[in-house]
Structures are given as C-alpha cells and as structure tokens.
Amino acid sequence: MRIGIPVESSNGLSSEINEHFGMCEHFVLLDVEGDKILKIDEIENSPNMKEPKTPADLLAEHGTDIVLTGGIGPHMIQKLLDKGVRIFKGAEGTAEQAYEDYKAGMLTEVRTVGDE
C-alpha cells in the first residue's frame, strides 16, 4: 500500500503537514506493509515544472492508495475519489505523526465531497 502525505518541505517523515492540499508542492510517499514502512519517497509538483499536475493527478500517477491530509477542498476530494484514492483528514504535525495517527484510527475518512 502506498500512502501520500502533503508536506511543507522535503524533510522525509519530519516534514510538517501542509494544510492546503490543493496548493501543496511537496509530498512524502510511504510504501507500507501492515504497520511497517518499507520505503519512503518524496515527490515535488512545482508550478515551475514544464507540466505541473494537480496534487490528485500527481499522487494517482505515483500509485497512491491513501492520502493523509490536514484539510482538503471538494474539488480535490472528487478528483481523488474518482481515481480510487482513499482520503483521511485531520492530520497534524509531521508526516510521521500523521502516519501514527492514521494507524491509531485518529483520522477521519472522507467518503464523499460533502465530508470536507
């Protein structure tokens, strides 16, 4: 399973959560099996890139199954859900804290656009 987390910078698990998913340029990707992190990657989606993508398109392109985010708007919710990506909101602190909160069942799953 691959988990995508929007963050403020490229500092791996210590990166702070970016509260504005739709404007996020940095993401931590966790490849997880059970409760164990097998691999940590980082990707960037700078508006200065030749062909920037929406965060939803970028994460789906990288095989993301789940997104852990602080907040997310209806447009990005719909795009992710349409791509089969599950969304959990309420993440705070660092990427590591978001993952720990997810494992502990402390984040809220967004199942429809009205759940934002």
N, C-alpha and C. Protein backbone atom coordinates (compact mmCIF):
# COMPACT_ATOMS: atom_id res chain seq x y z
N MET A 1 0.85 -1.17 0.00
CA MET A 1 0.00 0.00 0.00
C MET A 1 0.90 1.23 0.00
N ARG A 2 0.49 2.24 -0.75
CA ARG A 2 1.23 3.50 -0.81
C ARG A 2 0.39 4.62 -0.22
N ILE A 3 0.99 5.35 0.72
CA ILE A 3 0.33 6.46 1.40
C ILE A 3 1.01 7.76 0.99
N GLY A 4 0.22 8.75 0.57
CA GLY A 4 0.74 10.06 0.21
C GLY A 4 0.37 11.09 1.27
N ILE A 5 1.36 11.92 1.64
CA ILE A 5 1.13 12.93 2.67
C ILE A 5 1.62 14.28 2.16
N PRO A 6 0.75 15.30 2.06
CA PRO A 6 1.17 16.63 1.63
C PRO A 6 1.98 17.31 2.74
N VAL A 7 3.16 17.80 2.39
CA VAL A 7 4.04 18.41 3.39
C VAL A 7 4.59 19.75 2.90
N GLU A 8 5.16 20.50 3.83
CA GLU A 8 5.70 21.83 3.54
C GLU A 8 7.07 21.80 2.87
N SER A 9 7.87 20.74 3.11
CA SER A 9 9.24 20.70 2.61
C SER A 9 9.68 19.26 2.40
N SER A 10 10.87 19.10 1.88
CA SER A 10 11.42 17.77 1.61
C SER A 10 12.31 17.31 2.75
N ASN A 11 11.70 16.99 3.89
CA ASN A 11 12.46 16.51 5.05
C ASN A 11 11.96 15.15 5.52
N GLY A 12 11.47 14.34 4.59
CA GLY A 12 11.03 13.00 4.94
C GLY A 12 9.93 12.99 5.98
N LEU A 13 10.03 12.06 6.92
CA LEU A 13 9.00 11.91 7.94
C LEU A 13 8.92 13.09 8.90
N SER A 14 9.98 13.89 8.97
CA SER A 14 9.97 15.06 9.86
C SER A 14 9.36 16.30 9.20
N SER A 15 8.95 16.19 7.95
CA SER A 15 8.32 17.31 7.24
C SER A 15 6.98 17.65 7.89
N GLU A 16 6.69 18.94 8.01
CA GLU A 16 5.42 19.40 8.56
C GLU A 16 4.30 19.24 7.53
N ILE A 17 3.12 18.88 8.00
CA ILE A 17 1.94 18.73 7.14
C ILE A 17 1.59 20.07 6.50
N ASN A 18 1.28 20.05 5.21
CA ASN A 18 0.78 21.22 4.50
C ASN A 18 -0.74 21.21 4.62
N GLU A 19 -1.30 22.26 5.19
CA GLU A 19 -2.75 22.32 5.44
C GLU A 19 -3.57 22.60 4.18
N HIS A 20 -2.93 22.97 3.09
CA HIS A 20 -3.65 23.33 1.86
C HIS A 20 -3.33 22.31 0.77
N PHE A 21 -4.01 21.17 0.80
CA PHE A 21 -3.72 20.07 -0.12
C PHE A 21 -3.66 20.53 -1.57
N GLY A 22 -4.63 21.31 -2.01
CA GLY A 22 -4.71 21.71 -3.41
C GLY A 22 -3.57 22.60 -3.87
N MET A 23 -2.86 23.23 -2.93
CA MET A 23 -1.74 24.12 -3.26
C MET A 23 -0.38 23.49 -2.93
N CYS A 24 -0.39 22.25 -2.47
CA CYS A 24 0.83 21.61 -2.00
C CYS A 24 1.78 21.27 -3.14
N GLU A 25 3.08 21.49 -2.89
CA GLU A 25 4.11 21.19 -3.88
C GLU A 25 4.98 20.00 -3.49
N HIS A 26 4.97 19.60 -2.21
CA HIS A 26 5.82 18.51 -1.73
C HIS A 26 4.97 17.41 -1.11
N PHE A 27 5.35 16.17 -1.38
CA PHE A 27 4.63 15.03 -0.83
C PHE A 27 5.62 13.98 -0.36
N VAL A 28 5.32 13.36 0.77
CA VAL A 28 6.04 12.19 1.24
C VAL A 28 5.20 10.99 0.85
N LEU A 29 5.83 9.99 0.26
CA LEU A 29 5.15 8.74 -0.11
C LEU A 29 5.72 7.62 0.75
N LEU A 30 4.83 6.89 1.41
CA LEU A 30 5.23 5.77 2.25
C LEU A 30 4.72 4.48 1.64
N ASP A 31 5.63 3.56 1.39
CA ASP A 31 5.22 2.21 0.99
C ASP A 31 5.15 1.40 2.27
N VAL A 32 3.94 0.90 2.57
CA VAL A 32 3.65 0.28 3.86
C VAL A 32 3.13 -1.14 3.66
N GLU A 33 3.58 -2.01 4.54
CA GLU A 33 3.04 -3.37 4.59
C GLU A 33 2.70 -3.65 6.04
N GLY A 34 1.42 -3.87 6.34
CA GLY A 34 1.00 -3.98 7.73
C GLY A 34 1.23 -2.64 8.42
N ASP A 35 1.95 -2.64 9.53
CA ASP A 35 2.29 -1.40 10.22
C ASP A 35 3.71 -0.95 9.92
N LYS A 36 4.40 -1.66 9.03
CA LYS A 36 5.81 -1.39 8.77
C LYS A 36 6.01 -0.54 7.51
N ILE A 37 6.80 0.53 7.65
CA ILE A 37 7.16 1.35 6.49
C ILE A 37 8.33 0.68 5.79
N LEU A 38 8.12 0.30 4.53
CA LEU A 38 9.15 -0.37 3.75
C LEU A 38 10.05 0.61 3.00
N LYS A 39 9.46 1.75 2.59
CA LYS A 39 10.20 2.70 1.76
C LYS A 39 9.58 4.08 1.93
N ILE A 40 10.44 5.09 1.92
CA ILE A 40 10.00 6.49 1.99
C ILE A 40 10.53 7.21 0.75
N ASP A 41 9.63 7.84 0.01
CA ASP A 41 10.00 8.64 -1.16
C ASP A 41 9.46 10.05 -0.97
N GLU A 42 9.98 10.97 -1.75
CA GLU A 42 9.47 12.33 -1.78
C GLU A 42 9.31 12.73 -3.24
N ILE A 43 8.21 13.42 -3.52
CA ILE A 43 7.98 13.94 -4.87
C ILE A 43 7.63 15.41 -4.77
N GLU A 44 7.88 16.13 -5.86
CA GLU A 44 7.61 17.57 -5.90
C GLU A 44 6.75 17.87 -7.10
N ASN A 45 5.88 18.87 -6.93
CA ASN A 45 4.99 19.31 -8.01
C ASN A 45 5.03 20.83 -8.07
N SER A 46 6.15 21.35 -8.48
CA SER A 46 6.34 22.79 -8.53
C SER A 46 5.58 23.40 -9.70
N PRO A 47 4.96 24.58 -9.49
CA PRO A 47 4.29 25.25 -10.61
C PRO A 47 5.27 25.66 -11.70
N ASN A 48 6.56 25.64 -11.40
CA ASN A 48 7.59 26.00 -12.39
C ASN A 48 7.97 24.83 -13.28
N MET A 49 7.44 23.64 -12.99
CA MET A 49 7.74 22.48 -13.82
C MET A 49 7.12 22.65 -15.19
N LYS A 50 7.66 21.94 -16.16
CA LYS A 50 7.17 22.04 -17.53
C LYS A 50 5.68 21.71 -17.62
N GLU A 51 5.26 20.65 -16.92
CA GLU A 51 3.85 20.25 -16.94
C GLU A 51 3.38 19.94 -15.52
N PRO A 52 3.12 20.98 -14.71
CA PRO A 52 2.64 20.69 -13.35
C PRO A 52 1.27 20.01 -13.40
N LYS A 53 1.02 19.17 -12.43
CA LYS A 53 -0.25 18.44 -12.34
C LYS A 53 -0.98 18.86 -11.09
N THR A 54 -2.26 18.54 -11.00
CA THR A 54 -2.95 18.77 -9.74
C THR A 54 -2.35 17.77 -8.74
N PRO A 55 -2.40 18.08 -7.44
CA PRO A 55 -1.90 17.11 -6.47
C PRO A 55 -2.58 15.75 -6.59
N ALA A 56 -3.87 15.75 -6.88
CA ALA A 56 -4.59 14.48 -7.03
C ALA A 56 -4.05 13.67 -8.20
N ASP A 57 -3.81 14.32 -9.33
CA ASP A 57 -3.28 13.62 -10.50
C ASP A 57 -1.86 13.11 -10.24
N LEU A 58 -1.04 13.93 -9.60
CA LEU A 58 0.34 13.55 -9.30
C LEU A 58 0.38 12.32 -8.39
N LEU A 59 -0.41 12.34 -7.33
CA LEU A 59 -0.39 11.21 -6.40
C LEU A 59 -0.95 9.94 -7.04
N ALA A 60 -2.01 10.07 -7.82
CA ALA A 60 -2.57 8.90 -8.51
C ALA A 60 -1.54 8.33 -9.49
N GLU A 61 -0.83 9.21 -10.19
CA GLU A 61 0.19 8.78 -11.14
C GLU A 61 1.31 8.00 -10.44
N HIS A 62 1.55 8.31 -9.18
CA HIS A 62 2.59 7.62 -8.41
C HIS A 62 2.04 6.43 -7.62
N GLY A 63 0.83 5.99 -7.94
CA GLY A 63 0.29 4.77 -7.36
C GLY A 63 -0.18 4.90 -5.92
N THR A 64 -0.57 6.10 -5.52
CA THR A 64 -1.02 6.32 -4.14
C THR A 64 -2.39 5.68 -3.91
N ASP A 65 -2.49 4.95 -2.81
CA ASP A 65 -3.75 4.30 -2.43
C ASP A 65 -4.52 5.13 -1.41
N ILE A 66 -3.79 5.83 -0.52
CA ILE A 66 -4.39 6.58 0.58
C ILE A 66 -3.69 7.91 0.71
N VAL A 67 -4.45 8.97 0.98
CA VAL A 67 -3.89 10.29 1.28
C VAL A 67 -4.23 10.64 2.73
N LEU A 68 -3.22 11.11 3.46
CA LEU A 68 -3.41 11.62 4.81
C LEU A 68 -3.20 13.12 4.74
N THR A 69 -4.21 13.91 5.09
CA THR A 69 -4.13 15.35 4.91
C THR A 69 -4.76 16.10 6.08
N GLY A 70 -4.35 17.35 6.22
CA GLY A 70 -4.95 18.19 7.25
C GLY A 70 -6.34 18.61 6.81
N GLY A 71 -6.40 19.33 5.72
CA GLY A 71 -7.66 19.78 5.14
C GLY A 71 -7.63 19.59 3.64
N ILE A 72 -8.82 19.52 3.06
CA ILE A 72 -8.90 19.29 1.61
C ILE A 72 -10.24 19.81 1.11
N GLY A 73 -10.23 20.45 -0.03
CA GLY A 73 -11.44 21.01 -0.60
C GLY A 73 -12.19 20.03 -1.48
N PRO A 74 -13.42 20.39 -1.85
CA PRO A 74 -14.29 19.49 -2.60
C PRO A 74 -13.75 19.08 -3.96
N HIS A 75 -13.07 19.98 -4.66
CA HIS A 75 -12.54 19.65 -5.99
C HIS A 75 -11.51 18.53 -5.90
N MET A 76 -10.56 18.65 -4.96
CA MET A 76 -9.53 17.63 -4.81
C MET A 76 -10.11 16.33 -4.25
N ILE A 77 -11.10 16.44 -3.36
CA ILE A 77 -11.77 15.23 -2.86
C ILE A 77 -12.35 14.45 -4.02
N GLN A 78 -13.08 15.13 -4.89
CA GLN A 78 -13.72 14.45 -6.01
C GLN A 78 -12.69 13.82 -6.94
N LYS A 79 -11.62 14.56 -7.23
CA LYS A 79 -10.58 14.02 -8.12
C LYS A 79 -9.94 12.77 -7.53
N LEU A 80 -9.63 12.79 -6.24
CA LEU A 80 -9.02 11.62 -5.61
C LEU A 80 -9.99 10.45 -5.56
N LEU A 81 -11.22 10.70 -5.14
CA LEU A 81 -12.20 9.62 -5.07
C LEU A 81 -12.44 9.01 -6.45
N ASP A 82 -12.50 9.85 -7.48
CA ASP A 82 -12.69 9.36 -8.84
C ASP A 82 -11.55 8.44 -9.29
N LYS A 83 -10.36 8.64 -8.70
CA LYS A 83 -9.19 7.84 -9.04
C LYS A 83 -9.03 6.63 -8.11
N GLY A 84 -10.00 6.47 -7.19
CA GLY A 84 -9.96 5.33 -6.28
C GLY A 84 -9.02 5.50 -5.10
N VAL A 85 -8.63 6.73 -4.81
CA VAL A 85 -7.73 7.01 -3.70
C VAL A 85 -8.56 7.32 -2.46
N ARG A 86 -8.28 6.64 -1.36
CA ARG A 86 -8.97 6.91 -0.10
C ARG A 86 -8.34 8.14 0.56
N ILE A 87 -9.15 8.91 1.28
CA ILE A 87 -8.70 10.16 1.89
C ILE A 87 -9.00 10.13 3.39
N PHE A 88 -8.00 10.48 4.18
CA PHE A 88 -8.17 10.62 5.62
C PHE A 88 -7.72 12.02 6.01
N LYS A 89 -8.62 12.79 6.65
CA LYS A 89 -8.30 14.16 7.02
C LYS A 89 -8.13 14.29 8.53
N GLY A 90 -7.57 15.45 8.93
CA GLY A 90 -7.33 15.71 10.34
C GLY A 90 -5.88 15.54 10.73
N ALA A 91 -5.00 15.31 9.76
CA ALA A 91 -3.57 15.13 10.04
C ALA A 91 -2.97 16.45 10.54
N GLU A 92 -2.10 16.33 11.54
CA GLU A 92 -1.42 17.50 12.10
C GLU A 92 0.04 17.14 12.38
N GLY A 93 0.85 18.18 12.54
CA GLY A 93 2.24 17.96 12.91
C GLY A 93 3.09 17.53 11.74
N THR A 94 3.83 16.45 11.92
CA THR A 94 4.74 15.96 10.89
C THR A 94 4.12 14.80 10.11
N ALA A 95 4.78 14.42 9.02
CA ALA A 95 4.34 13.26 8.25
C ALA A 95 4.35 12.01 9.13
N GLU A 96 5.35 11.89 9.98
CA GLU A 96 5.41 10.74 10.88
C GLU A 96 4.22 10.71 11.83
N GLN A 97 3.87 11.89 12.38
CA GLN A 97 2.72 11.96 13.29
C GLN A 97 1.43 11.62 12.55
N ALA A 98 1.29 12.09 11.32
CA ALA A 98 0.11 11.77 10.52
C ALA A 98 -0.02 10.26 10.33
N TYR A 99 1.09 9.60 10.03
CA TYR A 99 1.06 8.16 9.85
C TYR A 99 0.70 7.45 11.15
N GLU A 100 1.28 7.88 12.25
CA GLU A 100 0.98 7.28 13.55
C GLU A 100 -0.51 7.48 13.91
N ASP A 101 -1.03 8.69 13.65
CA ASP A 101 -2.44 8.97 13.92
C ASP A 101 -3.35 8.11 13.04
N TYR A 102 -2.95 7.91 11.79
CA TYR A 102 -3.71 7.05 10.87
C TYR A 102 -3.76 5.62 11.41
N LYS A 103 -2.60 5.10 11.81
CA LYS A 103 -2.53 3.74 12.35
C LYS A 103 -3.40 3.60 13.60
N ALA A 104 -3.47 4.66 14.40
CA ALA A 104 -4.24 4.64 15.65
C ALA A 104 -5.73 4.89 15.42
N GLY A 105 -6.13 5.12 14.16
CA GLY A 105 -7.54 5.35 13.85
C GLY A 105 -8.03 6.73 14.25
N MET A 106 -7.11 7.69 14.35
CA MET A 106 -7.47 9.03 14.81
C MET A 106 -7.84 10.00 13.68
N LEU A 107 -7.67 9.59 12.42
CA LEU A 107 -8.03 10.46 11.30
C LEU A 107 -9.40 10.05 10.76
N THR A 108 -10.10 11.00 10.15
CA THR A 108 -11.45 10.77 9.66
C THR A 108 -11.43 10.50 8.15
N GLU A 109 -12.03 9.40 7.75
CA GLU A 109 -12.07 9.10 6.31
C GLU A 109 -13.12 9.97 5.63
N VAL A 110 -12.74 10.52 4.49
CA VAL A 110 -13.62 11.33 3.65
C VAL A 110 -14.17 10.40 2.56
N ARG A 111 -15.48 10.18 2.58
CA ARG A 111 -16.08 9.24 1.63
C ARG A 111 -16.85 9.91 0.50
N THR A 112 -17.25 11.17 0.72
CA THR A 112 -17.98 11.92 -0.30
C THR A 112 -17.52 13.37 -0.27
N VAL A 113 -17.87 14.13 -1.29
CA VAL A 113 -17.48 15.53 -1.36
C VAL A 113 -18.04 16.31 -0.19
N GLY A 114 -19.19 15.97 0.32
CA GLY A 114 -19.79 16.69 1.44
C GLY A 114 -19.08 16.49 2.77
N ASP A 115 -18.09 15.59 2.82
CA ASP A 115 -17.38 15.30 4.07
C ASP A 115 -16.23 16.24 4.36
N GLU A 116 -15.96 17.19 3.46
CA GLU A 116 -14.80 18.05 3.70
C GLU A 116 -15.06 18.95 4.85
